[in-house]
N, C-alpha and C. Protein backbone atom coordinates (compact mmCIF):
# COMPACT_ATOMS: atom_id res chain seq x y z
N MET A 1 -88.39 -13.89 21.27
CA MET A 1 -89.41 -14.70 20.65
C MET A 1 -90.77 -14.27 21.19
N ILE A 2 -91.73 -14.13 20.29
CA ILE A 2 -93.07 -13.71 20.68
C ILE A 2 -93.88 -14.97 20.98
N GLU A 3 -94.45 -15.01 22.16
CA GLU A 3 -95.25 -16.16 22.54
C GLU A 3 -96.72 -15.81 22.43
N GLY A 4 -97.56 -16.85 22.24
CA GLY A 4 -98.99 -16.64 22.18
C GLY A 4 -99.50 -16.20 20.83
N ASN A 5 -98.65 -16.08 19.83
CA ASN A 5 -99.07 -15.68 18.50
C ASN A 5 -99.21 -16.93 17.65
N SER A 6 -100.44 -17.41 17.49
CA SER A 6 -100.66 -18.65 16.75
C SER A 6 -101.09 -18.40 15.32
N GLU A 7 -101.14 -17.12 14.91
CA GLU A 7 -101.54 -16.81 13.54
C GLU A 7 -100.47 -17.30 12.56
N THR A 8 -100.93 -17.80 11.44
CA THR A 8 -99.98 -18.17 10.39
C THR A 8 -99.64 -16.92 9.61
N THR A 9 -98.44 -16.86 9.12
CA THR A 9 -98.03 -15.69 8.35
C THR A 9 -98.58 -15.79 6.94
N ARG A 10 -99.14 -14.70 6.48
CA ARG A 10 -99.68 -14.64 5.13
C ARG A 10 -98.68 -13.94 4.23
N PRO A 11 -98.66 -14.31 2.95
CA PRO A 11 -97.77 -13.57 2.03
C PRO A 11 -98.25 -12.13 1.92
N ARG A 12 -97.30 -11.22 1.79
CA ARG A 12 -97.65 -9.80 1.71
C ARG A 12 -98.34 -9.51 0.39
N ALA A 13 -99.33 -8.66 0.44
CA ALA A 13 -100.04 -8.25 -0.76
C ALA A 13 -99.17 -7.30 -1.56
N LYS A 14 -99.23 -7.43 -2.87
CA LYS A 14 -98.48 -6.52 -3.72
C LYS A 14 -99.12 -5.16 -3.67
N ARG A 15 -98.26 -4.12 -3.68
CA ARG A 15 -98.74 -2.75 -3.60
C ARG A 15 -97.98 -1.89 -4.59
N GLY A 16 -98.50 -0.73 -4.88
CA GLY A 16 -97.81 0.25 -5.71
C GLY A 16 -97.52 -0.25 -7.12
N PHE A 17 -96.27 -0.07 -7.56
CA PHE A 17 -95.90 -0.44 -8.92
C PHE A 17 -96.00 -1.94 -9.17
N ALA A 18 -95.89 -2.75 -8.15
CA ALA A 18 -95.96 -4.20 -8.32
C ALA A 18 -97.33 -4.65 -8.81
N VAL A 19 -98.37 -3.87 -8.53
CA VAL A 19 -99.73 -4.23 -8.92
C VAL A 19 -100.07 -3.67 -10.30
N MET A 20 -99.40 -2.61 -10.68
CA MET A 20 -99.75 -1.90 -11.92
C MET A 20 -99.40 -2.68 -13.17
N ASP A 21 -100.11 -2.33 -14.21
CA ASP A 21 -99.84 -2.85 -15.54
C ASP A 21 -98.46 -2.34 -15.97
N PRO A 22 -97.60 -3.20 -16.52
CA PRO A 22 -96.25 -2.76 -16.92
C PRO A 22 -96.24 -1.58 -17.88
N THR A 23 -97.25 -1.47 -18.72
CA THR A 23 -97.32 -0.33 -19.64
C THR A 23 -97.52 0.97 -18.87
N ARG A 24 -98.36 0.93 -17.85
CA ARG A 24 -98.60 2.13 -17.03
C ARG A 24 -97.36 2.52 -16.24
N VAL A 25 -96.64 1.52 -15.73
CA VAL A 25 -95.40 1.80 -15.00
C VAL A 25 -94.40 2.49 -15.93
N ARG A 26 -94.32 2.01 -17.16
CA ARG A 26 -93.41 2.62 -18.14
C ARG A 26 -93.80 4.06 -18.44
N GLU A 27 -95.10 4.31 -18.55
CA GLU A 27 -95.57 5.68 -18.81
C GLU A 27 -95.17 6.62 -17.67
N ILE A 28 -95.36 6.16 -16.45
CA ILE A 28 -95.02 6.99 -15.29
C ILE A 28 -93.52 7.26 -15.24
N ALA A 29 -92.71 6.22 -15.48
CA ALA A 29 -91.26 6.39 -15.49
C ALA A 29 -90.83 7.35 -16.60
N SER A 30 -91.47 7.26 -17.73
CA SER A 30 -91.15 8.14 -18.85
C SER A 30 -91.43 9.59 -18.49
N MET A 31 -92.57 9.83 -17.83
CA MET A 31 -92.90 11.19 -17.40
C MET A 31 -91.84 11.72 -16.44
N GLY A 32 -91.39 10.87 -15.52
CA GLY A 32 -90.36 11.28 -14.56
C GLY A 32 -89.05 11.60 -15.26
N GLY A 33 -88.71 10.82 -16.25
CA GLY A 33 -87.49 11.07 -17.01
C GLY A 33 -87.54 12.38 -17.77
N ARG A 34 -88.68 12.63 -18.39
CA ARG A 34 -88.83 13.89 -19.11
C ARG A 34 -88.74 15.08 -18.17
N THR A 35 -89.36 14.96 -17.00
CA THR A 35 -89.33 16.04 -16.02
C THR A 35 -87.91 16.28 -15.54
N ALA A 36 -87.17 15.23 -15.27
CA ALA A 36 -85.79 15.36 -14.80
C ALA A 36 -84.93 16.08 -15.84
N HIS A 37 -85.09 15.72 -17.10
CA HIS A 37 -84.33 16.38 -18.16
C HIS A 37 -84.74 17.85 -18.28
N ALA A 38 -86.04 18.11 -18.17
CA ALA A 38 -86.53 19.49 -18.28
C ALA A 38 -86.00 20.37 -17.15
N ASN A 39 -85.82 19.78 -15.97
CA ASN A 39 -85.33 20.53 -14.82
C ASN A 39 -83.80 20.56 -14.74
N GLY A 40 -83.15 19.88 -15.66
CA GLY A 40 -81.69 19.86 -15.67
C GLY A 40 -81.09 18.96 -14.59
N ARG A 41 -81.85 18.00 -14.10
CA ARG A 41 -81.37 17.11 -13.04
C ARG A 41 -80.95 15.73 -13.56
N ALA A 42 -81.17 15.46 -14.82
CA ALA A 42 -80.82 14.15 -15.38
C ALA A 42 -79.39 14.16 -15.90
N HIS A 43 -78.68 13.07 -15.68
CA HIS A 43 -77.31 12.97 -16.15
C HIS A 43 -77.29 12.29 -17.50
N GLU A 44 -76.59 12.88 -18.43
CA GLU A 44 -76.41 12.27 -19.74
C GLU A 44 -74.93 11.97 -19.91
N PHE A 45 -74.63 10.69 -20.13
CA PHE A 45 -73.24 10.28 -20.29
C PHE A 45 -72.69 10.79 -21.60
N THR A 46 -71.46 11.31 -21.54
CA THR A 46 -70.75 11.64 -22.77
C THR A 46 -70.11 10.33 -23.25
N SER A 47 -69.66 10.31 -24.49
CA SER A 47 -69.04 9.08 -25.00
C SER A 47 -67.78 8.75 -24.22
N GLU A 48 -67.08 9.78 -23.73
CA GLU A 48 -65.87 9.53 -22.93
C GLU A 48 -66.21 8.87 -21.60
N GLU A 49 -67.27 9.35 -20.95
CA GLU A 49 -67.69 8.76 -19.67
C GLU A 49 -68.14 7.31 -19.87
N ALA A 50 -68.89 7.06 -20.92
CA ALA A 50 -69.36 5.71 -21.19
C ALA A 50 -68.18 4.78 -21.48
N ARG A 51 -67.21 5.27 -22.23
CA ARG A 51 -66.03 4.46 -22.54
C ARG A 51 -65.25 4.13 -21.28
N ALA A 52 -65.08 5.13 -20.40
CA ALA A 52 -64.36 4.91 -19.15
C ALA A 52 -65.08 3.91 -18.25
N ALA A 53 -66.41 4.00 -18.20
CA ALA A 53 -67.18 3.07 -17.37
C ALA A 53 -67.06 1.65 -17.90
N GLY A 54 -67.14 1.49 -19.21
CA GLY A 54 -67.00 0.16 -19.81
C GLY A 54 -65.62 -0.41 -19.59
N LYS A 55 -64.61 0.43 -19.73
CA LYS A 55 -63.23 -0.02 -19.53
C LYS A 55 -63.02 -0.45 -18.08
N LYS A 56 -63.56 0.33 -17.14
CA LYS A 56 -63.43 0.01 -15.73
C LYS A 56 -64.11 -1.32 -15.41
N ARG A 57 -65.27 -1.54 -15.98
CA ARG A 57 -66.02 -2.77 -15.74
C ARG A 57 -65.26 -3.98 -16.28
N HIS A 58 -64.66 -3.85 -17.43
CA HIS A 58 -63.98 -4.99 -18.05
C HIS A 58 -62.60 -5.25 -17.46
N GLN A 59 -62.10 -4.33 -16.65
CA GLN A 59 -60.82 -4.55 -15.99
C GLN A 59 -60.97 -5.48 -14.79
N ARG A 60 -62.18 -5.53 -14.21
CA ARG A 60 -62.42 -6.39 -13.05
C ARG A 60 -62.41 -7.84 -13.48
N ALA A 61 -61.94 -8.70 -12.57
CA ALA A 61 -61.96 -10.14 -12.86
C ALA A 61 -63.42 -10.61 -12.78
N PRO A 62 -63.81 -11.51 -13.66
CA PRO A 62 -65.19 -11.99 -13.62
C PRO A 62 -65.46 -12.74 -12.31
N ASP A 63 -66.64 -12.53 -11.76
CA ASP A 63 -67.05 -13.17 -10.52
C ASP A 63 -67.62 -14.54 -10.84
N THR A 64 -66.90 -15.59 -10.50
CA THR A 64 -67.37 -16.94 -10.79
C THR A 64 -68.17 -17.52 -9.66
N GLY A 65 -68.11 -16.93 -8.49
CA GLY A 65 -68.86 -17.44 -7.35
C GLY A 65 -68.15 -18.53 -6.58
N ALA A 66 -67.03 -19.01 -7.08
CA ALA A 66 -66.27 -20.05 -6.41
C ALA A 66 -65.01 -19.44 -5.80
N SER A 67 -64.65 -19.94 -4.65
CA SER A 67 -63.44 -19.42 -4.02
C SER A 67 -62.25 -20.28 -4.42
N ALA A 68 -61.11 -19.64 -4.57
CA ALA A 68 -59.89 -20.36 -4.94
C ALA A 68 -59.23 -20.87 -3.66
N ALA A 69 -59.33 -22.16 -3.45
CA ALA A 69 -58.75 -22.72 -2.22
C ALA A 69 -57.63 -23.67 -2.52
């Protein structure tokens, strides 16, 4: 425990993308996506991969948040 610190804690100031206009954030993300595809680093799901991912997700039991006691 720190003693002698009587300052009240202030909420942290928003920085970076949190301060930006959502339209500008989208533009920046779009540029990054285009660059990733151009460099061959972006993953594109095939229909088989997407089907397998959906099937795997739906096989799990739904999380209700309650424990069975």
